[in-house]
């Protein structure tokens, strides 16, 4: 990800917008500005208290997905997720591009709609329909926590501890992490290798196998 003067100019121009948007929508709104060049410390401005984000914090799984899409990244608007503490959040993530069209950051708006969701659940129950299960998203200050959440979800789906994975299962896990954009963040490979109980060089070797297989089947 190359630096460009226009990137800094765009971030500087959006900084006051962050506070303005959050103030406009009130206490249930949070606006976060990300600079993906900073990797695991991508949050450069934040206003509001919904997910507990702070300047210097990590990008979420949603940000990782945006990074993974790269040139194909587009506005992801009005999606609804549930936080680890059970709150329901309606969000929009809008990628930022420089003068060359290169993705380098994102502007995110999060609105706590828990109260509205509870009212909706009551109406749903009265109508006899079942509640809709929402995907959970990890919003954390430390990137390690985001990596752990992604890996833990995959570990639970496999039903076995990571050290017990077969090579095929390990390659599938690494491929899943790569699709989620984990390895686009500086230093992430070392963290993943540690959690898988393998060397970083071994992880890169497996990652090369996964990516080669993806290219051959595409």
N, C-alpha and C. Protein backbone atom coordinates (compact mmCIF):
# COMPACT_ATOMS: atom_id res chain seq x y z
N UNK A 1 0.85 -1.18 0.00
CA UNK A 1 0.00 0.00 0.00
C UNK A 1 0.89 1.24 0.00
N UNK A 2 0.92 1.96 -1.13
CA UNK A 2 1.80 3.11 -1.30
C UNK A 2 1.21 4.37 -0.69
N UNK A 3 2.09 5.23 -0.11
CA UNK A 3 1.63 6.51 0.40
C UNK A 3 1.47 7.49 -0.75
N UNK A 4 0.51 8.38 -0.62
CA UNK A 4 0.26 9.40 -1.62
C UNK A 4 -0.20 10.64 -0.87
N UNK A 5 0.28 11.83 -1.25
CA UNK A 5 -0.14 13.05 -0.55
C UNK A 5 -1.65 13.23 -0.50
N UNK A 6 -2.34 12.73 -1.52
CA UNK A 6 -3.79 12.88 -1.53
C UNK A 6 -4.45 12.07 -0.42
N UNK A 7 -3.81 10.99 0.01
CA UNK A 7 -4.37 10.18 1.10
C UNK A 7 -4.43 10.99 2.39
N UNK A 8 -3.32 11.65 2.74
CA UNK A 8 -3.30 12.47 3.94
C UNK A 8 -4.29 13.62 3.84
N UNK A 9 -4.43 14.19 2.65
CA UNK A 9 -5.35 15.30 2.45
C UNK A 9 -6.80 14.85 2.66
N UNK A 10 -7.13 13.68 2.18
CA UNK A 10 -8.49 13.16 2.33
C UNK A 10 -8.80 12.89 3.80
N UNK A 11 -7.85 12.28 4.51
CA UNK A 11 -8.05 12.01 5.93
C UNK A 11 -8.20 13.30 6.73
N UNK A 12 -7.38 14.30 6.42
CA UNK A 12 -7.46 15.58 7.11
C UNK A 12 -8.81 16.25 6.86
N UNK A 13 -9.32 16.13 5.65
CA UNK A 13 -10.60 16.74 5.32
C UNK A 13 -11.77 16.04 6.02
N UNK A 14 -11.63 14.74 6.24
CA UNK A 14 -12.71 13.97 6.85
C UNK A 14 -12.72 14.03 8.37
N UNK A 15 -11.59 14.39 8.98
CA UNK A 15 -11.50 14.41 10.44
C UNK A 15 -12.62 15.23 11.09
N UNK A 16 -12.88 16.48 10.64
CA UNK A 16 -13.99 17.22 11.26
C UNK A 16 -15.36 16.65 10.92
N UNK A 17 -15.45 15.93 9.80
CA UNK A 17 -16.72 15.31 9.41
C UNK A 17 -17.11 14.23 10.41
N UNK A 18 -16.10 13.53 10.94
CA UNK A 18 -16.34 12.46 11.91
C UNK A 18 -17.12 12.99 13.10
N UNK A 19 -16.64 14.07 13.69
CA UNK A 19 -17.31 14.65 14.85
C UNK A 19 -18.68 15.21 14.48
N UNK A 20 -18.77 15.84 13.31
CA UNK A 20 -20.03 16.43 12.88
C UNK A 20 -21.13 15.40 12.67
N UNK A 21 -20.79 14.28 12.03
CA UNK A 21 -21.78 13.23 11.80
C UNK A 21 -22.27 12.63 13.11
N UNK A 22 -21.33 12.34 14.01
CA UNK A 22 -21.70 11.73 15.29
C UNK A 22 -22.60 12.67 16.09
N UNK A 23 -22.30 13.96 16.08
CA UNK A 23 -23.11 14.94 16.81
C UNK A 23 -24.50 15.06 16.19
N UNK A 24 -24.59 14.95 14.88
CA UNK A 24 -25.87 15.07 14.19
C UNK A 24 -26.82 13.95 14.55
N UNK A 25 -26.31 12.72 14.61
CA UNK A 25 -27.16 11.56 14.88
C UNK A 25 -27.34 11.26 16.36
N UNK A 26 -26.55 11.90 17.23
CA UNK A 26 -26.76 11.78 18.66
C UNK A 26 -26.00 10.65 19.33
N UNK A 27 -26.33 10.38 20.61
CA UNK A 27 -25.55 9.47 21.45
C UNK A 27 -25.54 8.01 21.03
N UNK A 28 -26.44 7.61 20.15
CA UNK A 28 -26.44 6.21 19.69
C UNK A 28 -25.56 6.01 18.46
N UNK A 29 -24.88 7.08 18.02
CA UNK A 29 -24.08 7.01 16.79
C UNK A 29 -22.59 7.12 17.10
N UNK A 30 -21.82 6.38 16.35
CA UNK A 30 -20.35 6.43 16.43
C UNK A 30 -19.81 6.48 15.01
N UNK A 31 -18.85 7.36 14.78
CA UNK A 31 -18.22 7.47 13.46
C UNK A 31 -16.72 7.22 13.63
N UNK A 32 -16.18 6.35 12.78
CA UNK A 32 -14.77 5.95 12.89
C UNK A 32 -14.07 6.15 11.55
N UNK A 33 -12.89 6.75 11.60
CA UNK A 33 -12.09 6.97 10.40
C UNK A 33 -10.86 6.07 10.47
N UNK A 34 -10.67 5.24 9.43
CA UNK A 34 -9.57 4.29 9.39
C UNK A 34 -8.53 4.68 8.33
N UNK A 35 -7.27 4.52 8.70
CA UNK A 35 -6.15 4.65 7.76
C UNK A 35 -5.50 3.27 7.69
N UNK A 36 -5.79 2.53 6.62
CA UNK A 36 -5.31 1.16 6.51
C UNK A 36 -3.78 1.08 6.38
N UNK A 37 -3.13 2.19 6.09
CA UNK A 37 -1.67 2.19 6.03
C UNK A 37 -1.06 1.93 7.40
N UNK A 38 -1.83 2.17 8.44
CA UNK A 38 -1.35 1.97 9.80
C UNK A 38 -1.53 0.52 10.27
N UNK A 39 -2.06 -0.32 9.40
CA UNK A 39 -2.19 -1.73 9.74
C UNK A 39 -3.07 -1.96 10.95
N UNK A 40 -2.51 -2.58 11.97
CA UNK A 40 -3.29 -2.99 13.13
C UNK A 40 -3.73 -1.82 14.00
N UNK A 41 -3.21 -0.63 13.77
CA UNK A 41 -3.59 0.57 14.52
C UNK A 41 -4.29 1.57 13.59
N UNK A 42 -5.29 1.10 12.90
CA UNK A 42 -5.85 1.87 11.78
C UNK A 42 -6.76 3.02 12.18
N UNK A 43 -7.30 3.01 13.39
CA UNK A 43 -8.24 4.07 13.79
C UNK A 43 -7.49 5.38 14.01
N UNK A 44 -7.80 6.41 13.20
CA UNK A 44 -7.12 7.70 13.33
C UNK A 44 -8.04 8.79 13.87
N UNK A 45 -9.34 8.57 13.85
CA UNK A 45 -10.29 9.52 14.43
C UNK A 45 -11.57 8.76 14.78
N UNK A 46 -12.18 9.14 15.89
CA UNK A 46 -13.43 8.49 16.30
C UNK A 46 -14.23 9.47 17.14
N UNK A 47 -15.54 9.43 16.97
CA UNK A 47 -16.44 10.24 17.77
C UNK A 47 -17.69 9.43 18.08
N UNK A 48 -18.08 9.41 19.34
CA UNK A 48 -19.24 8.62 19.75
C UNK A 48 -18.81 7.36 20.48
N UNK A 49 -19.75 6.75 21.20
CA UNK A 49 -19.47 5.54 21.98
C UNK A 49 -20.49 4.46 21.67
N UNK A 50 -20.15 3.61 20.73
CA UNK A 50 -21.01 2.47 20.41
C UNK A 50 -20.23 1.17 20.52
N UNK A 51 -19.09 1.10 19.87
CA UNK A 51 -18.28 -0.12 19.89
C UNK A 51 -17.06 0.00 20.80
N UNK A 52 -16.87 1.18 21.41
CA UNK A 52 -15.73 1.36 22.28
C UNK A 52 -14.43 1.62 21.55
N UNK A 53 -14.50 2.01 20.27
CA UNK A 53 -13.29 2.27 19.51
C UNK A 53 -12.56 3.48 20.06
N UNK A 54 -11.23 3.46 19.94
CA UNK A 54 -10.38 4.56 20.35
C UNK A 54 -9.30 4.77 19.29
N UNK A 55 -8.78 5.99 19.23
CA UNK A 55 -7.69 6.27 18.29
C UNK A 55 -6.53 5.32 18.59
N UNK A 56 -5.97 4.76 17.53
CA UNK A 56 -4.90 3.78 17.69
C UNK A 56 -5.41 2.36 17.78
N UNK A 57 -6.72 2.18 17.66
CA UNK A 57 -7.30 0.85 17.77
C UNK A 57 -7.22 0.07 16.47
N UNK A 58 -7.56 -1.20 16.58
CA UNK A 58 -7.46 -2.12 15.44
C UNK A 58 -8.67 -2.04 14.53
N UNK A 59 -8.48 -2.41 13.28
CA UNK A 59 -9.61 -2.57 12.38
C UNK A 59 -10.35 -3.85 12.76
N UNK A 60 -11.64 -3.90 12.46
CA UNK A 60 -12.46 -5.06 12.81
C UNK A 60 -12.45 -6.09 11.70
N UNK A 61 -13.20 -7.17 11.91
CA UNK A 61 -13.35 -8.18 10.86
C UNK A 61 -13.97 -7.57 9.60
N UNK A 62 -14.82 -6.57 9.79
CA UNK A 62 -15.45 -5.90 8.65
C UNK A 62 -14.39 -5.15 7.84
N UNK A 63 -13.48 -4.47 8.55
CA UNK A 63 -12.39 -3.77 7.88
C UNK A 63 -11.47 -4.73 7.15
N UNK A 64 -11.22 -5.88 7.77
CA UNK A 64 -10.40 -6.90 7.12
C UNK A 64 -11.04 -7.36 5.81
N UNK A 65 -12.36 -7.53 5.84
CA UNK A 65 -13.07 -7.96 4.63
C UNK A 65 -12.96 -6.89 3.54
N UNK A 66 -13.01 -5.61 3.94
CA UNK A 66 -12.87 -4.52 2.98
C UNK A 66 -11.47 -4.56 2.35
N UNK A 67 -10.46 -4.77 3.19
CA UNK A 67 -9.08 -4.87 2.70
C UNK A 67 -8.94 -6.04 1.73
N UNK A 68 -9.56 -7.17 2.08
CA UNK A 68 -9.45 -8.37 1.25
C UNK A 68 -10.03 -8.14 -0.14
N UNK A 69 -11.07 -7.30 -0.23
CA UNK A 69 -11.68 -7.04 -1.54
C UNK A 69 -10.81 -6.13 -2.39
N UNK A 70 -9.93 -5.33 -1.75
CA UNK A 70 -8.98 -4.51 -2.48
C UNK A 70 -9.62 -3.62 -3.52
N UNK A 71 -9.22 -3.82 -4.78
CA UNK A 71 -9.72 -2.99 -5.87
C UNK A 71 -11.23 -3.13 -6.07
N UNK A 72 -11.81 -4.23 -5.59
CA UNK A 72 -13.24 -4.45 -5.74
C UNK A 72 -14.05 -3.92 -4.57
N UNK A 73 -13.39 -3.31 -3.59
CA UNK A 73 -14.09 -2.80 -2.41
C UNK A 73 -15.10 -1.73 -2.81
N UNK A 74 -16.29 -1.81 -2.22
CA UNK A 74 -17.35 -0.84 -2.51
C UNK A 74 -18.08 -0.53 -1.21
N UNK A 75 -18.94 0.48 -1.25
CA UNK A 75 -19.72 0.83 -0.08
C UNK A 75 -20.49 -0.39 0.44
N UNK A 76 -20.38 -0.63 1.73
CA UNK A 76 -21.15 -1.70 2.37
C UNK A 76 -22.09 -0.99 3.34
N UNK A 77 -23.36 -0.86 2.97
CA UNK A 77 -24.28 0.03 3.67
C UNK A 77 -25.38 -0.72 4.42
N UNK A 78 -25.67 -0.20 5.62
CA UNK A 78 -26.83 -0.64 6.41
C UNK A 78 -26.84 -2.12 6.75
N UNK A 79 -25.67 -2.69 7.03
CA UNK A 79 -25.64 -4.07 7.50
C UNK A 79 -25.79 -4.07 9.02
N UNK A 80 -26.34 -5.15 9.54
CA UNK A 80 -26.62 -5.24 10.97
C UNK A 80 -25.87 -6.41 11.57
N UNK A 81 -25.17 -6.15 12.69
CA UNK A 81 -24.44 -7.19 13.39
C UNK A 81 -24.72 -7.08 14.89
N UNK A 82 -24.24 -8.07 15.63
CA UNK A 82 -24.38 -8.06 17.08
C UNK A 82 -22.99 -8.06 17.71
N UNK A 83 -22.76 -7.19 18.68
CA UNK A 83 -21.46 -7.11 19.35
C UNK A 83 -21.34 -8.24 20.37
N UNK A 84 -20.13 -8.41 20.90
CA UNK A 84 -19.89 -9.49 21.87
C UNK A 84 -20.70 -9.32 23.14
N UNK A 85 -21.11 -8.07 23.45
CA UNK A 85 -21.91 -7.85 24.66
C UNK A 85 -23.41 -7.84 24.37
N UNK A 86 -23.79 -8.23 23.15
CA UNK A 86 -25.19 -8.42 22.83
C UNK A 86 -25.91 -7.25 22.21
N UNK A 87 -25.25 -6.12 22.03
CA UNK A 87 -25.92 -4.98 21.42
C UNK A 87 -26.03 -5.17 19.90
N UNK A 88 -27.10 -4.61 19.34
CA UNK A 88 -27.34 -4.70 17.90
C UNK A 88 -26.91 -3.38 17.27
N UNK A 89 -26.04 -3.48 16.26
CA UNK A 89 -25.45 -2.30 15.64
C UNK A 89 -25.72 -2.31 14.14
N UNK A 90 -26.26 -1.19 13.65
CA UNK A 90 -26.45 -1.00 12.22
C UNK A 90 -25.29 -0.15 11.72
N UNK A 91 -24.62 -0.61 10.68
CA UNK A 91 -23.39 0.05 10.25
C UNK A 91 -23.32 0.26 8.74
N UNK A 92 -22.47 1.20 8.38
CA UNK A 92 -22.11 1.40 6.97
C UNK A 92 -20.61 1.64 6.92
N UNK A 93 -19.94 0.99 5.98
CA UNK A 93 -18.50 1.16 5.79
C UNK A 93 -18.26 1.63 4.37
N UNK A 94 -17.59 2.77 4.24
CA UNK A 94 -17.35 3.37 2.93
C UNK A 94 -15.85 3.47 2.67
N UNK A 95 -15.34 2.76 1.67
CA UNK A 95 -13.90 2.77 1.39
C UNK A 95 -13.42 4.14 0.92
N UNK A 96 -12.18 4.45 1.27
CA UNK A 96 -11.54 5.70 0.83
C UNK A 96 -10.46 5.36 -0.18
N UNK A 97 -10.42 6.12 -1.28
CA UNK A 97 -9.43 5.89 -2.33
C UNK A 97 -8.68 7.18 -2.61
N UNK A 98 -7.41 7.03 -3.01
CA UNK A 98 -6.59 8.21 -3.29
C UNK A 98 -6.78 8.62 -4.76
N UNK A 99 -5.93 9.56 -5.20
CA UNK A 99 -6.05 10.08 -6.56
C UNK A 99 -5.83 9.01 -7.62
N UNK A 100 -5.13 7.93 -7.27
CA UNK A 100 -4.91 6.83 -8.22
C UNK A 100 -6.01 5.78 -8.15
N UNK A 101 -6.93 5.96 -7.22
CA UNK A 101 -7.99 4.98 -7.05
C UNK A 101 -7.61 3.84 -6.12
N UNK A 102 -6.49 3.96 -5.40
CA UNK A 102 -6.03 2.88 -4.52
C UNK A 102 -6.71 2.98 -3.16
N UNK A 103 -7.22 1.85 -2.68
CA UNK A 103 -7.86 1.78 -1.38
C UNK A 103 -6.84 2.01 -0.27
N UNK A 104 -7.12 2.95 0.65
CA UNK A 104 -6.17 3.19 1.74
C UNK A 104 -6.84 3.40 3.09
N UNK A 105 -8.17 3.42 3.13
CA UNK A 105 -8.84 3.65 4.40
C UNK A 105 -10.34 3.47 4.27
N UNK A 106 -11.07 3.86 5.32
CA UNK A 106 -12.52 3.74 5.29
C UNK A 106 -13.15 4.68 6.31
N UNK A 107 -14.35 5.11 6.00
CA UNK A 107 -15.16 5.88 6.94
C UNK A 107 -16.32 4.99 7.36
N UNK A 108 -16.47 4.78 8.67
CA UNK A 108 -17.49 3.86 9.17
C UNK A 108 -18.46 4.58 10.09
N UNK A 109 -19.73 4.27 9.94
CA UNK A 109 -20.78 4.82 10.80
C UNK A 109 -21.48 3.65 11.49
N UNK A 110 -21.51 3.68 12.82
CA UNK A 110 -22.15 2.63 13.61
C UNK A 110 -23.27 3.25 14.45
N UNK A 111 -24.47 2.69 14.38
CA UNK A 111 -25.59 3.18 15.16
C UNK A 111 -26.16 2.04 16.01
N UNK A 112 -26.25 2.28 17.31
CA UNK A 112 -26.79 1.29 18.24
C UNK A 112 -28.32 1.26 18.10
N UNK A 113 -28.83 0.17 17.55
CA UNK A 113 -30.28 0.04 17.34
C UNK A 113 -30.85 -1.05 18.23
N UNK A 114 -30.18 -1.32 19.36
CA UNK A 114 -30.62 -2.39 20.25
C UNK A 114 -32.05 -2.21 20.71
N UNK A 115 -32.39 -0.98 21.13
CA UNK A 115 -33.76 -0.73 21.62
C UNK A 115 -34.78 -0.98 20.52
N UNK A 116 -34.47 -0.53 19.30
CA UNK A 116 -35.38 -0.75 18.18
C UNK A 116 -35.50 -2.23 17.87
N UNK A 117 -34.38 -2.93 17.97
CA UNK A 117 -34.38 -4.37 17.69
C UNK A 117 -35.24 -5.12 18.70
N UNK A 118 -35.15 -4.73 19.98
CA UNK A 118 -35.95 -5.39 21.00
C UNK A 118 -37.44 -5.18 20.74
N UNK A 119 -37.80 -3.95 20.34
CA UNK A 119 -39.19 -3.68 20.02
C UNK A 119 -39.64 -4.54 18.84
N UNK A 120 -38.74 -4.67 17.86
CA UNK A 120 -39.06 -5.50 16.70
C UNK A 120 -39.21 -6.96 17.07
N UNK A 121 -38.38 -7.44 18.01
CA UNK A 121 -38.47 -8.84 18.45
C UNK A 121 -39.80 -9.11 19.14
N UNK A 122 -40.27 -8.12 19.90
CA UNK A 122 -41.56 -8.28 20.57
C UNK A 122 -42.67 -8.42 19.54
N UNK A 123 -42.64 -7.55 18.51
CA UNK A 123 -43.64 -7.62 17.46
C UNK A 123 -43.55 -8.93 16.69
N UNK A 124 -42.30 -9.39 16.48
CA UNK A 124 -42.09 -10.66 15.78
C UNK A 124 -42.68 -11.81 16.57
N UNK A 125 -42.44 -11.79 17.90
CA UNK A 125 -42.96 -12.85 18.76
C UNK A 125 -44.49 -12.85 18.75
N UNK A 126 -45.08 -11.65 18.77
CA UNK A 126 -46.54 -11.55 18.75
C UNK A 126 -47.13 -12.09 17.45
N UNK A 127 -46.35 -11.95 16.37
CA UNK A 127 -46.85 -12.42 15.06
C UNK A 127 -46.61 -13.90 14.85
N UNK A 128 -45.86 -14.51 15.80
CA UNK A 128 -45.62 -15.95 15.71
C UNK A 128 -44.40 -16.34 14.92
N UNK A 129 -43.62 -15.37 14.48
CA UNK A 129 -42.41 -15.67 13.72
C UNK A 129 -41.22 -15.76 14.66
N UNK A 130 -40.18 -16.48 14.23
CA UNK A 130 -38.98 -16.61 15.04
C UNK A 130 -38.02 -15.46 14.80
N UNK A 131 -37.17 -15.14 15.79
CA UNK A 131 -36.19 -14.06 15.63
C UNK A 131 -35.12 -14.42 14.62
N UNK A 132 -34.57 -13.40 13.96
CA UNK A 132 -33.51 -13.62 12.99
C UNK A 132 -32.17 -13.56 13.71
N UNK A 133 -31.34 -14.57 13.52
CA UNK A 133 -30.02 -14.61 14.16
C UNK A 133 -29.07 -13.68 13.41
N UNK A 134 -28.40 -12.80 14.16
CA UNK A 134 -27.48 -11.84 13.55
C UNK A 134 -26.04 -12.31 13.68
N UNK A 135 -25.21 -12.04 12.67
CA UNK A 135 -23.79 -12.39 12.78
C UNK A 135 -23.12 -11.55 13.86
N UNK A 136 -22.15 -12.13 14.55
CA UNK A 136 -21.41 -11.40 15.58
C UNK A 136 -20.13 -10.83 14.99
N UNK A 137 -19.80 -9.62 15.41
CA UNK A 137 -18.60 -8.95 14.96
C UNK A 137 -17.77 -8.53 16.15
N UNK A 138 -16.46 -8.74 16.08
CA UNK A 138 -15.57 -8.35 17.15
C UNK A 138 -15.01 -6.96 16.89
N UNK A 139 -15.38 -6.01 17.76
CA UNK A 139 -14.79 -4.68 17.73
C UNK A 139 -13.84 -4.60 18.91
N UNK A 140 -12.55 -4.50 18.64
CA UNK A 140 -11.56 -4.52 19.71
C UNK A 140 -10.47 -3.50 19.45
N UNK A 141 -9.87 -3.03 20.55
CA UNK A 141 -8.78 -2.07 20.41
C UNK A 141 -7.51 -2.76 19.92
N UNK A 142 -7.30 -4.00 20.38
CA UNK A 142 -6.10 -4.75 20.01
C UNK A 142 -6.39 -5.69 18.85
N UNK A 143 -5.51 -5.65 17.84
CA UNK A 143 -5.69 -6.49 16.67
C UNK A 143 -5.61 -7.97 17.03
N UNK A 144 -4.83 -8.31 18.06
CA UNK A 144 -4.73 -9.70 18.50
C UNK A 144 -6.11 -10.26 18.83
N UNK A 145 -6.96 -9.43 19.44
CA UNK A 145 -8.30 -9.89 19.81
C UNK A 145 -9.15 -10.18 18.58
N UNK A 146 -8.96 -9.38 17.53
CA UNK A 146 -9.69 -9.60 16.29
C UNK A 146 -9.23 -10.91 15.64
N UNK A 147 -7.91 -11.11 15.59
CA UNK A 147 -7.36 -12.35 15.03
C UNK A 147 -7.87 -13.56 15.81
N UNK A 148 -7.84 -13.45 17.14
CA UNK A 148 -8.30 -14.56 17.98
C UNK A 148 -9.76 -14.89 17.71
N UNK A 149 -10.59 -13.85 17.54
CA UNK A 149 -12.02 -14.08 17.31
C UNK A 149 -12.25 -14.80 16.00
N UNK A 150 -11.54 -14.39 14.96
CA UNK A 150 -11.69 -15.04 13.65
C UNK A 150 -11.24 -16.49 13.72
N UNK A 151 -10.09 -16.73 14.36
CA UNK A 151 -9.57 -18.09 14.46
C UNK A 151 -10.46 -18.95 15.34
N UNK A 152 -10.96 -18.38 16.44
CA UNK A 152 -11.81 -19.15 17.36
C UNK A 152 -13.10 -19.59 16.68
N UNK A 153 -13.66 -18.73 15.85
CA UNK A 153 -14.88 -19.09 15.12
C UNK A 153 -14.64 -20.29 14.22
N UNK A 154 -13.49 -20.27 13.53
CA UNK A 154 -13.15 -21.38 12.64
C UNK A 154 -12.86 -22.65 13.44
N UNK A 155 -12.19 -22.49 14.59
CA UNK A 155 -11.86 -23.64 15.44
C UNK A 155 -13.13 -24.31 15.94
N UNK A 156 -14.12 -23.52 16.34
CA UNK A 156 -15.39 -24.07 16.81
C UNK A 156 -16.12 -24.81 15.71
N UNK A 157 -16.04 -24.27 14.48
CA UNK A 157 -16.72 -24.92 13.36
C UNK A 157 -16.07 -26.27 13.03
N UNK A 158 -14.76 -26.37 13.27
CA UNK A 158 -14.04 -27.63 13.01
C UNK A 158 -14.24 -28.63 14.14
N UNK A 159 -14.53 -28.14 15.35
CA UNK A 159 -14.78 -29.03 16.48
C UNK A 159 -13.55 -29.69 17.05
N UNK A 160 -12.38 -29.08 16.84
CA UNK A 160 -11.16 -29.64 17.40
C UNK A 160 -10.15 -28.52 17.63
N UNK A 161 -9.21 -28.70 18.58
CA UNK A 161 -8.20 -27.66 18.83
C UNK A 161 -7.27 -27.50 17.64
N UNK A 162 -6.71 -26.31 17.48
CA UNK A 162 -5.87 -26.03 16.31
C UNK A 162 -4.67 -26.96 16.17
N UNK A 163 -3.96 -27.29 17.26
CA UNK A 163 -2.81 -28.19 17.09
C UNK A 163 -3.17 -29.57 16.57
N UNK A 164 -4.46 -29.94 16.67
CA UNK A 164 -4.88 -31.27 16.23
C UNK A 164 -5.36 -31.29 14.77
N UNK A 165 -5.28 -30.16 14.09
CA UNK A 165 -5.74 -30.11 12.71
C UNK A 165 -4.85 -30.95 11.79
N UNK A 166 -5.47 -31.58 10.82
CA UNK A 166 -4.70 -32.24 9.78
C UNK A 166 -4.14 -31.17 8.85
N UNK A 167 -3.22 -31.54 7.98
CA UNK A 167 -2.65 -30.55 7.06
C UNK A 167 -3.74 -29.97 6.16
N UNK A 168 -4.64 -30.83 5.71
CA UNK A 168 -5.73 -30.36 4.85
C UNK A 168 -6.60 -29.34 5.58
N UNK A 169 -6.92 -29.63 6.84
CA UNK A 169 -7.73 -28.72 7.64
C UNK A 169 -6.97 -27.42 7.90
N UNK A 170 -5.66 -27.54 8.14
CA UNK A 170 -4.85 -26.34 8.40
C UNK A 170 -4.79 -25.44 7.17
N UNK A 171 -4.62 -26.06 6.00
CA UNK A 171 -4.60 -25.28 4.76
C UNK A 171 -5.94 -24.60 4.52
N UNK A 172 -7.03 -25.29 4.83
CA UNK A 172 -8.36 -24.70 4.67
C UNK A 172 -8.53 -23.51 5.61
N UNK A 173 -8.03 -23.64 6.84
CA UNK A 173 -8.10 -22.55 7.81
C UNK A 173 -7.30 -21.35 7.33
N UNK A 174 -6.08 -21.60 6.87
CA UNK A 174 -5.22 -20.51 6.38
C UNK A 174 -5.86 -19.84 5.18
N UNK A 175 -6.48 -20.63 4.30
CA UNK A 175 -7.17 -20.07 3.15
C UNK A 175 -8.33 -19.18 3.58
N UNK A 176 -9.07 -19.61 4.60
CA UNK A 176 -10.19 -18.83 5.11
C UNK A 176 -9.71 -17.51 5.69
N UNK A 177 -8.60 -17.55 6.43
CA UNK A 177 -8.03 -16.33 7.01
C UNK A 177 -7.54 -15.40 5.92
N UNK A 178 -6.97 -15.97 4.87
CA UNK A 178 -6.48 -15.15 3.76
C UNK A 178 -7.64 -14.45 3.06
N UNK A 179 -8.75 -15.16 2.88
CA UNK A 179 -9.93 -14.57 2.25
C UNK A 179 -10.49 -13.44 3.09
N UNK A 180 -10.32 -13.51 4.40
CA UNK A 180 -10.83 -12.48 5.30
C UNK A 180 -9.88 -11.29 5.40
N UNK A 181 -8.73 -11.35 4.73
CA UNK A 181 -7.82 -10.21 4.71
C UNK A 181 -6.84 -10.15 5.87
N UNK A 182 -6.77 -11.21 6.68
CA UNK A 182 -5.90 -11.19 7.86
C UNK A 182 -4.46 -10.89 7.49
N UNK A 183 -3.95 -11.52 6.44
CA UNK A 183 -2.53 -11.41 6.12
C UNK A 183 -2.16 -10.12 5.41
N UNK A 184 -3.14 -9.26 5.15
CA UNK A 184 -2.85 -7.95 4.58
C UNK A 184 -2.40 -6.96 5.66
N UNK A 185 -2.55 -7.35 6.92
CA UNK A 185 -2.13 -6.49 8.03
C UNK A 185 -0.74 -6.88 8.49
N UNK A 186 0.13 -5.90 8.58
CA UNK A 186 1.53 -6.15 8.96
C UNK A 186 1.60 -6.83 10.33
N UNK A 187 2.39 -7.90 10.40
CA UNK A 187 2.59 -8.61 11.66
C UNK A 187 1.57 -9.69 11.94
N UNK A 188 0.51 -9.77 11.13
CA UNK A 188 -0.55 -10.74 11.40
C UNK A 188 -0.05 -12.18 11.24
N UNK A 189 0.85 -12.41 10.28
CA UNK A 189 1.33 -13.76 10.03
C UNK A 189 2.00 -14.36 11.26
N UNK A 190 2.77 -13.57 11.97
CA UNK A 190 3.45 -14.07 13.17
C UNK A 190 2.44 -14.48 14.23
N UNK A 191 1.38 -13.69 14.37
CA UNK A 191 0.35 -14.00 15.36
C UNK A 191 -0.39 -15.28 15.01
N UNK A 192 -0.73 -15.43 13.73
CA UNK A 192 -1.44 -16.62 13.30
C UNK A 192 -0.56 -17.86 13.46
N UNK A 193 0.72 -17.75 13.07
CA UNK A 193 1.64 -18.88 13.20
C UNK A 193 1.75 -19.33 14.65
N UNK A 194 1.82 -18.38 15.55
CA UNK A 194 1.91 -18.71 16.98
C UNK A 194 0.69 -19.47 17.45
N UNK A 195 -0.48 -19.04 17.01
CA UNK A 195 -1.72 -19.69 17.43
C UNK A 195 -1.89 -21.07 16.80
N UNK A 196 -1.26 -21.27 15.64
CA UNK A 196 -1.33 -22.57 14.99
C UNK A 196 -0.21 -23.50 15.46
N UNK A 197 0.70 -22.97 16.27
CA UNK A 197 1.80 -23.77 16.77
C UNK A 197 2.81 -24.14 15.71
N UNK A 198 3.09 -23.21 14.80
CA UNK A 198 4.04 -23.48 13.73
C UNK A 198 4.94 -22.26 13.54
N UNK A 199 6.00 -22.44 12.76
CA UNK A 199 6.91 -21.32 12.50
C UNK A 199 6.30 -20.38 11.47
N UNK A 200 6.80 -19.16 11.44
CA UNK A 200 6.30 -18.20 10.47
C UNK A 200 6.66 -18.64 9.05
N UNK A 201 7.87 -19.22 8.89
CA UNK A 201 8.26 -19.70 7.56
C UNK A 201 7.35 -20.84 7.11
N UNK A 202 6.94 -21.69 8.06
CA UNK A 202 6.02 -22.78 7.73
C UNK A 202 4.66 -22.26 7.33
N UNK A 203 4.22 -21.19 8.00
CA UNK A 203 2.95 -20.58 7.66
C UNK A 203 3.00 -19.98 6.25
N UNK A 204 4.09 -19.28 5.94
CA UNK A 204 4.20 -18.68 4.61
C UNK A 204 4.24 -19.76 3.53
N UNK A 205 4.86 -20.88 3.84
CA UNK A 205 4.90 -21.98 2.87
C UNK A 205 3.49 -22.51 2.62
N UNK A 206 2.72 -22.68 3.69
CA UNK A 206 1.34 -23.14 3.54
C UNK A 206 0.50 -22.10 2.81
N UNK A 207 0.73 -20.82 3.11
CA UNK A 207 -0.02 -19.76 2.46
C UNK A 207 0.26 -19.74 0.96
N UNK A 208 1.52 -20.00 0.58
CA UNK A 208 1.87 -20.06 -0.84
C UNK A 208 1.14 -21.20 -1.54
N UNK A 209 1.02 -22.34 -0.85
CA UNK A 209 0.30 -23.49 -1.40
C UNK A 209 -1.17 -23.14 -1.62
N UNK A 210 -1.75 -22.48 -0.60
CA UNK A 210 -3.16 -22.10 -0.69
C UNK A 210 -3.40 -21.15 -1.86
N UNK A 211 -2.55 -20.13 -1.96
CA UNK A 211 -2.74 -19.13 -3.01
C UNK A 211 -2.48 -19.71 -4.40
N UNK A 212 -1.54 -20.63 -4.49
CA UNK A 212 -1.28 -21.29 -5.78
C UNK A 212 -2.48 -22.11 -6.19
N UNK A 213 -3.07 -22.80 -5.22
CA UNK A 213 -4.25 -23.61 -5.52
C UNK A 213 -5.42 -22.77 -5.95
N UNK A 214 -5.56 -21.58 -5.34
CA UNK A 214 -6.64 -20.66 -5.69
C UNK A 214 -6.47 -20.16 -7.12
N UNK A 215 -5.20 -19.84 -7.48
CA UNK A 215 -4.93 -19.35 -8.83
C UNK A 215 -5.20 -20.42 -9.87
N UNK A 216 -4.87 -21.68 -9.54
CA UNK A 216 -5.05 -22.76 -10.49
C UNK A 216 -6.50 -23.10 -10.75
N UNK A 217 -7.35 -22.83 -9.72
CA UNK A 217 -8.78 -23.17 -9.88
C UNK A 217 -9.61 -21.99 -10.33
N UNK A 218 -8.99 -20.80 -10.44
CA UNK A 218 -9.74 -19.62 -10.84
C UNK A 218 -9.71 -19.44 -12.37
